[in-house]
Protein backbone atom coordinates (compact mmCIF):
# COMPACT_ATOMS: atom_id res chain seq x y z
CA UNK A 1 0.00 0.00 0.00
CA UNK A 2 1.40 3.42 -0.93
CA UNK A 3 1.94 6.27 1.50
CA UNK A 4 -1.42 7.94 2.24
CA UNK A 5 -1.78 11.41 0.72
CA UNK A 6 -3.79 14.38 1.95
CA UNK A 7 -6.42 15.24 -0.62
CA UNK A 8 -8.79 17.46 1.34
CA UNK A 9 -7.89 21.19 1.31
CA UNK A 10 -7.83 21.37 5.10
CA UNK A 11 -5.31 18.52 5.20
CA UNK A 12 -3.12 20.29 2.60
CA UNK A 13 -3.06 23.39 4.78
CA UNK A 14 -2.17 21.21 7.76
CA UNK A 15 0.94 19.82 6.05
CA UNK A 16 1.97 23.27 4.85
CA UNK A 17 1.79 24.55 8.42
CA UNK A 18 4.17 21.79 9.48
CA UNK A 19 6.83 22.80 6.95
CA UNK A 20 8.54 25.01 9.50
CA UNK A 21 12.24 25.72 9.98
CA UNK A 22 14.38 22.76 11.07
CA UNK A 23 15.32 24.85 14.10
CA UNK A 24 11.78 24.61 15.50
CA UNK A 25 11.56 22.85 18.83
CA UNK A 26 8.97 20.47 20.33
CA UNK A 27 7.59 23.13 22.64
CA UNK A 28 6.64 25.22 19.58
CA UNK A 29 4.38 22.41 18.39
CA UNK A 30 2.91 22.10 21.85
CA UNK A 31 2.31 25.84 21.85
CA UNK A 32 0.42 25.44 18.55
CA UNK A 33 -1.68 22.41 19.49
CA UNK A 34 -1.82 22.80 23.26
CA UNK A 35 -0.57 20.47 25.96
CA UNK A 36 -0.84 16.80 24.96
CA UNK A 37 -3.63 14.77 26.56
CA UNK A 38 -3.36 11.05 27.29
CA UNK A 39 -5.82 8.99 25.20
CA UNK A 40 -6.07 5.32 24.24
CA UNK A 41 -5.51 4.57 20.58
CA UNK A 42 -8.88 2.84 20.22
CA UNK A 43 -10.73 5.85 21.68
CA UNK A 44 -8.84 8.20 19.38
CA UNK A 45 -9.66 6.16 16.28
CA UNK A 46 -13.31 5.71 17.24
CA UNK A 47 -13.89 9.43 17.86
CA UNK A 48 -11.18 11.30 15.91
CA UNK A 49 -13.38 14.39 15.57
CA UNK A 50 -13.04 14.93 19.34
CA UNK A 51 -9.25 15.27 19.04
CA UNK A 52 -8.77 16.87 15.61
CA UNK A 53 -6.36 19.80 15.80
CA UNK A 54 -5.30 18.86 19.37
CA UNK A 55 -2.12 17.35 20.80
CA UNK A 56 -2.40 13.79 22.13
CA UNK A 57 -0.15 11.10 23.56
CA UNK A 58 -1.08 7.50 22.74
CA UNK A 59 0.38 4.01 22.36
CA UNK A 60 -0.10 1.17 19.91
CA UNK A 61 1.60 -1.57 17.90
CA UNK A 62 3.99 -0.15 15.29
CA UNK A 63 3.60 -1.41 11.71
CA UNK A 64 5.48 -0.64 8.52
CA UNK A 65 3.53 0.31 5.39
CA UNK A 66 5.46 -0.53 2.19
CA UNK A 67 5.10 1.98 -0.60
CA UNK A 68 6.88 4.34 -2.91
CA UNK A 69 10.12 5.69 -1.50
CA UNK A 70 10.96 4.60 2.03
CA UNK A 71 7.40 3.62 2.94
CA UNK A 72 5.75 4.84 6.13
CA UNK A 73 4.67 3.74 9.61
CA UNK A 74 1.40 3.50 11.49
CA UNK A 75 0.10 2.42 14.88
CA UNK A 76 -2.55 -0.30 15.01
CA UNK A 77 -5.08 -0.41 17.85
CA UNK A 78 -6.51 -3.50 19.51
CA UNK A 79 -9.69 -3.15 17.43
CA UNK A 80 -7.80 -3.01 14.13
CA UNK A 81 -7.91 0.77 13.58
CA UNK A 82 -4.88 2.53 12.12
CA UNK A 83 -3.19 5.83 12.98
CA UNK A 84 -0.76 7.02 10.27
CA UNK A 85 2.44 8.65 11.54
CA UNK A 86 4.08 11.65 9.88
CA UNK A 87 7.21 12.67 11.88
CA UNK A 88 7.97 16.41 11.83
CA UNK A 89 11.41 17.28 10.35
CA UNK A 90 13.12 17.62 13.75
CA UNK A 91 12.56 13.94 14.66
CA UNK A 92 12.08 12.30 11.26
CA UNK A 93 15.64 10.96 10.83
CA UNK A 94 15.92 9.65 14.39
CA UNK A 95 12.51 7.98 14.16
CA UNK A 96 13.29 6.30 10.81
CA UNK A 97 16.55 4.90 12.24
CA UNK A 98 14.89 3.39 15.33
CA UNK A 99 11.42 2.48 14.07
CA UNK A 100 12.72 -0.37 11.90
CA UNK A 101 13.78 -2.16 15.11
CA UNK A 102 10.41 -1.61 16.80
CA UNK A 103 7.98 -3.05 14.24
CA UNK A 104 5.46 -5.30 15.99
CA UNK A 105 6.12 -3.75 19.41
CA UNK A 106 4.33 -1.12 21.48
CA UNK A 107 5.47 2.46 20.86
CA UNK A 108 4.30 5.72 22.46
CA UNK A 109 3.89 8.80 20.23
CA UNK A 110 2.98 12.45 20.81
CA UNK A 111 1.68 14.82 18.13
CA UNK A 112 -1.20 16.75 16.57
CA UNK A 113 -4.24 14.89 15.24
CA UNK A 114 -5.64 15.48 11.74
CA UNK A 115 -8.13 13.75 9.50
CA UNK A 116 -7.99 13.59 5.72
CA UNK A 117 -8.54 11.40 2.69
CA UNK A 118 -5.98 8.75 1.84
CA UNK A 119 -5.73 6.78 -1.41
CA UNK A 120 -3.49 4.28 -3.18
CA UNK A 121 -3.56 2.38 -6.44
CA UNK A 122 -5.26 -0.70 -5.05
CA UNK A 123 -7.99 0.63 -2.77
CA UNK A 124 -10.76 3.21 -3.21
CA UNK A 125 -10.43 6.59 -1.54
CA UNK A 126 -10.98 6.36 2.21
CA UNK A 127 -10.83 8.59 5.26
CA UNK A 128 -7.80 8.23 7.55
CA UNK A 129 -6.53 9.62 10.84
CA UNK A 130 -3.03 11.10 10.85
CA UNK A 131 -0.60 12.28 13.52
CA UNK A 132 1.99 15.02 13.02
CA UNK A 133 4.43 13.37 15.44
CA UNK A 134 7.05 15.39 17.32
CA UNK A 135 7.97 12.98 20.14
CA UNK A 136 8.16 9.22 20.57
CA UNK A 137 9.25 6.61 23.11
CA UNK A 138 10.34 3.11 22.19
CA UNK A 139 9.04 -0.17 23.63
CA UNK A 140 8.95 -0.10 27.45
CA UNK A 141 10.87 -3.37 27.77
CA UNK A 142 13.64 -2.32 25.40
CA UNK A 143 17.04 -2.98 26.95
CA UNK A 144 19.19 -4.77 24.40
CA UNK A 145 20.96 -2.38 22.12
CA UNK A 146 20.01 0.63 24.26
CA UNK A 147 22.59 3.43 24.04
CA UNK A 148 24.96 3.88 26.94
CA UNK A 149 23.85 6.47 29.44
CA UNK A 150 25.85 9.27 31.01
CA UNK A 151 25.85 9.71 34.78
CA UNK A 152 24.57 13.10 35.97
CA UNK A 153 22.54 14.62 38.80
CA UNK A 154 19.00 15.91 39.19
CA UNK A 155 20.50 19.30 40.06
CA UNK A 156 22.21 19.41 36.66
CA UNK A 157 18.97 18.52 34.85
CA UNK A 158 16.82 21.03 36.75
CA UNK A 159 19.19 24.01 36.87
CA UNK A 160 20.19 23.65 33.21
CA UNK A 161 16.85 22.74 31.60
CA UNK A 162 16.93 21.39 28.07
CA UNK A 163 20.71 20.94 27.87
CA UNK A 164 20.48 17.13 27.96
CA UNK A 165 17.05 16.73 26.34
CA UNK A 166 16.91 13.63 24.13
CA UNK A 167 19.95 12.02 25.78
CA UNK A 168 19.98 8.87 27.92
CA UNK A 169 21.22 9.65 31.44
CA UNK A 170 21.49 7.90 34.80
CA UNK A 171 20.55 9.78 37.97
CA UNK A 172 20.10 8.95 41.63
CA UNK A 173 17.28 10.18 43.85
CA UNK A 174 14.83 9.34 46.62
CA UNK A 175 11.47 7.84 45.75
CA UNK A 176 8.68 10.37 46.43
CA UNK A 177 5.66 8.39 45.22
CA UNK A 178 3.04 9.96 42.98
CA UNK A 179 4.09 13.48 44.06
CA UNK A 180 2.94 12.72 47.63
CA UNK A 181 4.89 15.69 49.04
CA UNK A 182 4.08 18.27 46.35
CA UNK A 183 7.63 18.40 44.98
CA UNK A 184 6.32 19.24 41.48
CA UNK A 185 3.19 21.02 40.17
CA UNK A 186 0.36 18.49 40.19
CA UNK A 187 -0.83 19.53 36.72
CA UNK A 188 2.60 18.69 35.26
CA UNK A 189 1.88 14.96 35.79
CA UNK A 190 1.29 13.53 32.31
CA UNK A 191 0.24 9.94 33.11
CA UNK A 192 -1.47 8.34 36.08
CA UNK A 193 1.51 5.95 36.41
CA UNK A 194 4.16 8.73 36.66
CA UNK A 195 6.13 9.06 39.92
CA UNK A 196 8.73 11.40 41.40
CA UNK A 197 12.37 11.14 42.45
CA UNK A 198 14.14 13.92 44.31
CA UNK A 199 17.61 14.80 45.56
CA UNK A 200 17.99 17.81 47.79
CA UNK A 201 15.75 20.51 46.22
CA UNK A 202 15.68 19.02 42.75
CA UNK A 203 12.88 16.73 41.54
CA UNK A 204 11.80 15.09 38.28
CA UNK A 205 8.97 12.91 36.99
CA UNK A 206 9.78 9.30 36.04
CA UNK A 207 7.56 7.89 33.32
CA UNK A 208 7.35 4.64 31.36
CA UNK A 209 8.39 2.26 34.13
CA UNK A 210 6.99 1.36 37.54
CA UNK A 211 9.17 1.72 40.66
CA UNK A 212 9.91 -1.97 40.90
CA UNK A 213 12.58 -4.48 40.00
CA UNK A 214 14.44 -7.50 41.37
CA UNK A 215 13.86 -7.53 45.13
CA UNK A 216 11.68 -4.41 45.40
CA UNK A 217 8.20 -3.21 44.43
CA UNK A 218 7.32 0.27 45.71
CA UNK A 219 3.79 1.62 45.95
CA UNK A 220 3.51 5.17 44.60
CA UNK A 221 0.40 5.80 46.75
CA UNK A 222 2.03 4.99 50.12
CA UNK A 223 4.21 7.45 52.01
CA UNK A 224 5.82 4.61 53.93
CA UNK A 225 7.48 3.47 50.68
CA UNK A 226 9.00 6.90 50.08
CA UNK A 227 12.59 7.75 50.96
CA UNK A 228 14.11 4.71 49.24
CA UNK A 229 17.09 5.60 47.05
CA UNK A 230 16.71 4.61 43.40
CA UNK A 231 18.92 4.75 40.35
CA UNK A 232 17.00 5.61 37.18
CA UNK A 233 18.26 5.49 33.60
CA UNK A 234 16.15 7.17 30.94
CA UNK A 235 15.78 9.71 28.18
CA UNK A 236 15.52 13.33 29.30
CA UNK A 237 12.66 15.60 28.26
CA UNK A 238 11.97 19.10 29.62
CA UNK A 239 8.52 20.65 29.26
CA UNK A 240 7.82 24.16 30.63
CA UNK A 241 10.75 23.88 33.01
CA UNK A 242 9.72 20.48 34.41
CA UNK A 243 12.08 17.53 33.84
CA UNK A 244 10.76 14.11 32.76
CA UNK A 245 12.79 10.88 32.58
CA UNK A 246 11.38 8.34 30.11
CA UNK A 247 12.83 5.42 32.05
CA UNK A 248 14.56 2.43 30.53
CA UNK A 249 15.83 0.98 33.82
CA UNK A 250 15.08 1.39 37.55
CA UNK A 251 17.28 -0.07 40.30
CA UNK A 252 17.14 0.04 44.08
CA UNK A 253 20.21 1.60 45.69
CA UNK A 254 21.16 -0.33 48.82
CA UNK A 255 23.11 1.03 51.80
CA UNK A 256 26.76 1.78 51.27
CA UNK A 257 29.07 -1.21 51.98
CA UNK A 258 30.82 -1.28 55.35
CA UNK A 259 34.05 0.65 55.19
CA UNK A 260 37.32 -1.18 55.74
CA UNK A 261 39.21 0.28 58.67
CA UNK A 262 42.13 2.23 57.36
CA UNK A 263 43.84 5.53 57.76
CA UNK A 264 41.38 8.23 56.89
CA UNK A 265 42.18 9.88 53.58
CA UNK A 266 43.14 13.51 53.58
CA UNK A 267 40.16 15.84 53.32
CA UNK A 268 39.31 16.74 49.74
CA UNK A 269 39.89 20.29 48.61
CA UNK A 270 36.83 22.47 49.09
CA UNK A 271 34.48 22.41 46.14
CA UNK A 272 34.20 25.70 44.31
CA UNK A 273 31.03 27.45 45.32
CA UNK A 274 28.33 27.73 42.70
CA UNK A 275 26.41 30.97 42.28
CA UNK A 276 22.66 30.85 42.97
CA UNK A 277 20.13 30.45 40.15
CA UNK A 278 16.35 30.32 39.86
CA UNK A 279 15.30 26.66 39.88
CA UNK A 280 11.52 26.88 39.90
CA UNK A 281 8.59 29.27 39.83
CA UNK A 282 4.84 29.18 40.30
CA UNK A 283 3.32 29.91 37.86
CA UNK A 284 5.95 28.41 35.54
CA UNK A 285 8.10 30.85 33.59
CA UNK A 286 6.39 31.53 30.25
CA UNK A 287 3.02 30.18 31.40
CA UNK A 288 -0.11 31.52 29.71
CA UNK A 289 -3.60 32.10 31.09
CA UNK A 290 -2.29 33.12 34.50
CA UNK A 291 -5.15 34.30 36.80
CA UNK A 292 -5.34 38.05 37.34
CA UNK A 293 -4.97 37.71 41.14
CA UNK A 294 -1.89 35.48 41.05
CA UNK A 295 0.84 35.72 43.69
CA UNK A 296 4.19 34.83 42.08
CA UNK A 297 6.66 32.51 43.85
CA UNK A 298 10.29 31.97 42.81
CA UNK A 299 12.55 29.30 44.33
CA UNK A 300 16.36 29.55 44.33
CA UNK A 301 19.07 26.89 44.35
CA UNK A 302 20.75 28.32 47.46
CA UNK A 303 19.90 30.19 50.65
CA UNK A 304 19.61 33.86 49.74
CA UNK A 305 20.54 37.04 51.60
CA UNK A 306 17.10 38.54 52.22
CA UNK A 307 18.43 42.08 52.52
CA UNK A 308 19.72 42.05 48.95
CA UNK A 309 16.19 41.74 47.53
CA UNK A 310 15.37 45.28 48.67
CA UNK A 311 14.72 47.57 45.67
CA UNK A 312 15.96 44.83 43.32
CA UNK A 313 12.66 43.02 42.53
CA UNK A 314 10.53 44.69 39.86
CA UNK A 315 7.10 43.60 38.59
CA UNK A 316 5.93 45.42 35.47
CA UNK A 317 3.87 45.12 32.30
CA UNK A 318 5.99 44.27 29.25
CA UNK A 319 6.11 46.59 26.25
CA UNK A 320 4.80 50.10 25.89
CA UNK A 321 2.28 51.48 28.39
CA UNK A 322 -1.33 51.12 27.28
CA UNK A 323 -4.39 53.24 28.13
CA UNK A 324 -5.82 52.17 31.47
CA UNK A 325 -2.52 50.81 32.83
CA UNK A 326 -1.98 51.45 36.54
CA UNK A 327 1.44 51.59 38.12
CA UNK A 328 2.16 48.41 40.07
CA UNK A 329 3.19 50.46 43.09
CA UNK A 330 1.61 48.23 45.74
CA UNK A 331 3.84 45.21 45.12
CA UNK A 332 4.78 43.32 48.29
CA UNK A 333 7.94 41.18 48.35
CA UNK A 334 8.68 38.61 51.07
CA UNK A 335 11.31 35.86 51.35
CA UNK A 336 10.88 32.46 53.06
CA UNK A 337 14.37 31.29 54.03
CA UNK A 338 13.18 27.78 54.93
CA UNK A 339 11.84 27.20 51.42
CA UNK A 340 14.37 29.46 49.66
CA UNK A 341 11.35 31.06 48.04
CA UNK A 342 10.63 34.68 47.08
CA UNK A 343 6.94 35.66 47.10
CA UNK A 344 5.82 38.63 44.98
CA UNK A 345 2.26 39.88 45.53
CA UNK A 346 1.21 42.47 42.90
CA UNK A 347 -1.20 44.08 45.36
CA UNK A 348 -3.65 44.66 42.49
CA UNK A 349 -5.53 42.70 39.84
CA UNK A 350 -3.37 42.34 36.74
CA UNK A 351 -4.72 43.44 33.38
CA UNK A 352 -6.21 40.65 31.20
CA UNK A 353 -4.18 39.60 28.17
CA UNK A 354 -1.01 41.49 29.19
CA UNK A 355 2.45 40.01 29.58
CA UNK A 356 3.96 40.63 33.01
CA UNK A 357 7.70 40.62 33.65
CA UNK A 358 9.29 39.80 37.01
CA UNK A 359 12.82 41.25 36.98
CA UNK A 360 15.51 40.22 39.47
CA UNK A 361 18.10 42.99 39.26
CA UNK A 362 21.87 42.78 39.74
CA UNK A 363 22.99 42.86 43.36
CA UNK A 364 20.84 39.98 44.62
CA UNK A 365 23.16 37.55 46.47
CA UNK A 366 23.15 34.31 48.41
CA UNK A 367 24.36 34.05 52.00
CA UNK A 368 27.91 33.36 50.71
CA UNK A 369 27.95 36.68 48.89
CA UNK A 370 27.72 35.12 45.40
CA UNK A 371 25.61 37.09 42.91
CA UNK A 372 22.49 35.61 41.30
CA UNK A 373 23.13 34.28 37.78
CA UNK A 374 20.71 33.96 34.89
CA UNK A 375 19.57 30.46 33.98
CA UNK A 376 21.39 28.68 31.16
CA UNK A 377 20.37 29.95 27.73
CA UNK A 378 18.47 32.95 29.13
CA UNK A 379 19.18 36.45 27.87
CA UNK A 380 18.23 38.60 30.82
CA UNK A 381 19.57 41.88 29.46
CA UNK A 382 20.35 44.33 32.25
CA UNK A 383 18.66 42.09 34.82
CA UNK A 384 20.25 39.16 36.65
CA UNK A 385 17.21 37.06 35.66
CA UNK A 386 13.74 37.72 34.26
CA UNK A 387 10.54 35.65 34.24
CA UNK A 388 7.53 36.32 32.02
CA UNK A 389 3.87 35.37 32.40
CA UNK A 390 0.76 36.11 30.31
CA UNK A 391 -2.40 37.05 32.17
CA UNK A 392 -5.56 35.23 31.10
CA UNK A 393 -7.48 37.18 28.43
CA UNK A 394 -10.73 36.76 30.33
CA UNK A 395 -9.08 37.95 33.52
CA UNK A 396 -10.47 34.99 35.48
CA UNK A 397 -9.63 34.71 39.17
CA UNK A 398 -8.56 31.77 41.28
CA UNK A 399 -9.73 31.13 44.83
CA UNK A 400 -8.12 32.94 47.77
CA UNK A 401 -4.38 33.12 47.02
CA UNK A 402 -3.18 35.95 49.22
């Protein structure tokens, strides 16, 4: 069977919209289609009109479709339905190289749903469901032939978001169940089976594998199972500042072996001190549809000198002033040293549809006297760091937040 072709005008426009620069990133597709929702393949194929033009994440058996050129791939559901896969340019080569090894096995894909007419030389014209795919995860039991992983830390993944995206890494952290302690925003959980690991202040979601293996089987719903140290190997993905590990292996880390009595080694040289950086914010940096009565919270990687925040935290509307703008002159700034968290209360309802900037100016320091640095890849201009949020166009309010 030949590669299905879009015949309907709407489908043609859909493909044209996907012909973007090769420099486009996954989050740009998510911005276009919205955050991906989890849906079973059979439900998607039975009611495609409910998901058309939206981003979804689904799983099914991968099949190869011979045809002109290199052929194509599809996912088959348990009821026999087919979802045709069209990788976007950024992932097309990588997918083609790996998909040939995954035929007949379960694969997870993420992308935008579209419907159109497909035809070939042997069958009459028929309607098909297509996925503009920008992310994929191989079979969950894939171990043989898996690429070697690099050892890193959760701190490295969280404080330098995106730097290791797509790479296989191994990290160590404590099991925190299904976010039982609120280490990550609850709405950032993408599957009901996802769970959290954490080391010090830095946490990440683990997806694709349960917290079990030879000699252990942890329950993500029980706090009594938390605190166990695990080693997780998986592919890194960062979405809106939150780190996800698409796990390929999970191991329990036992207690350290008993030390052999010997002369104590000389103390190591002191580690160079790292400057503080912003590690997390609520709402997330870049988030849209932020309620008009939001109180902004920013968490740092180190204990900060509270006095240095004075006159160095600015909340303002981005761009030129617009008619009806009021000066944000009632802003209240407080710092919680226990949580390493700065709280910024605008003291007024923010204007619907506007972009708000939270500037952290030079001179902010940690308790060691080290100046705040901008996050990796961020151009903060004259500020030490800057976070941006878009207020909901309707100006809706949340419950009591002050």
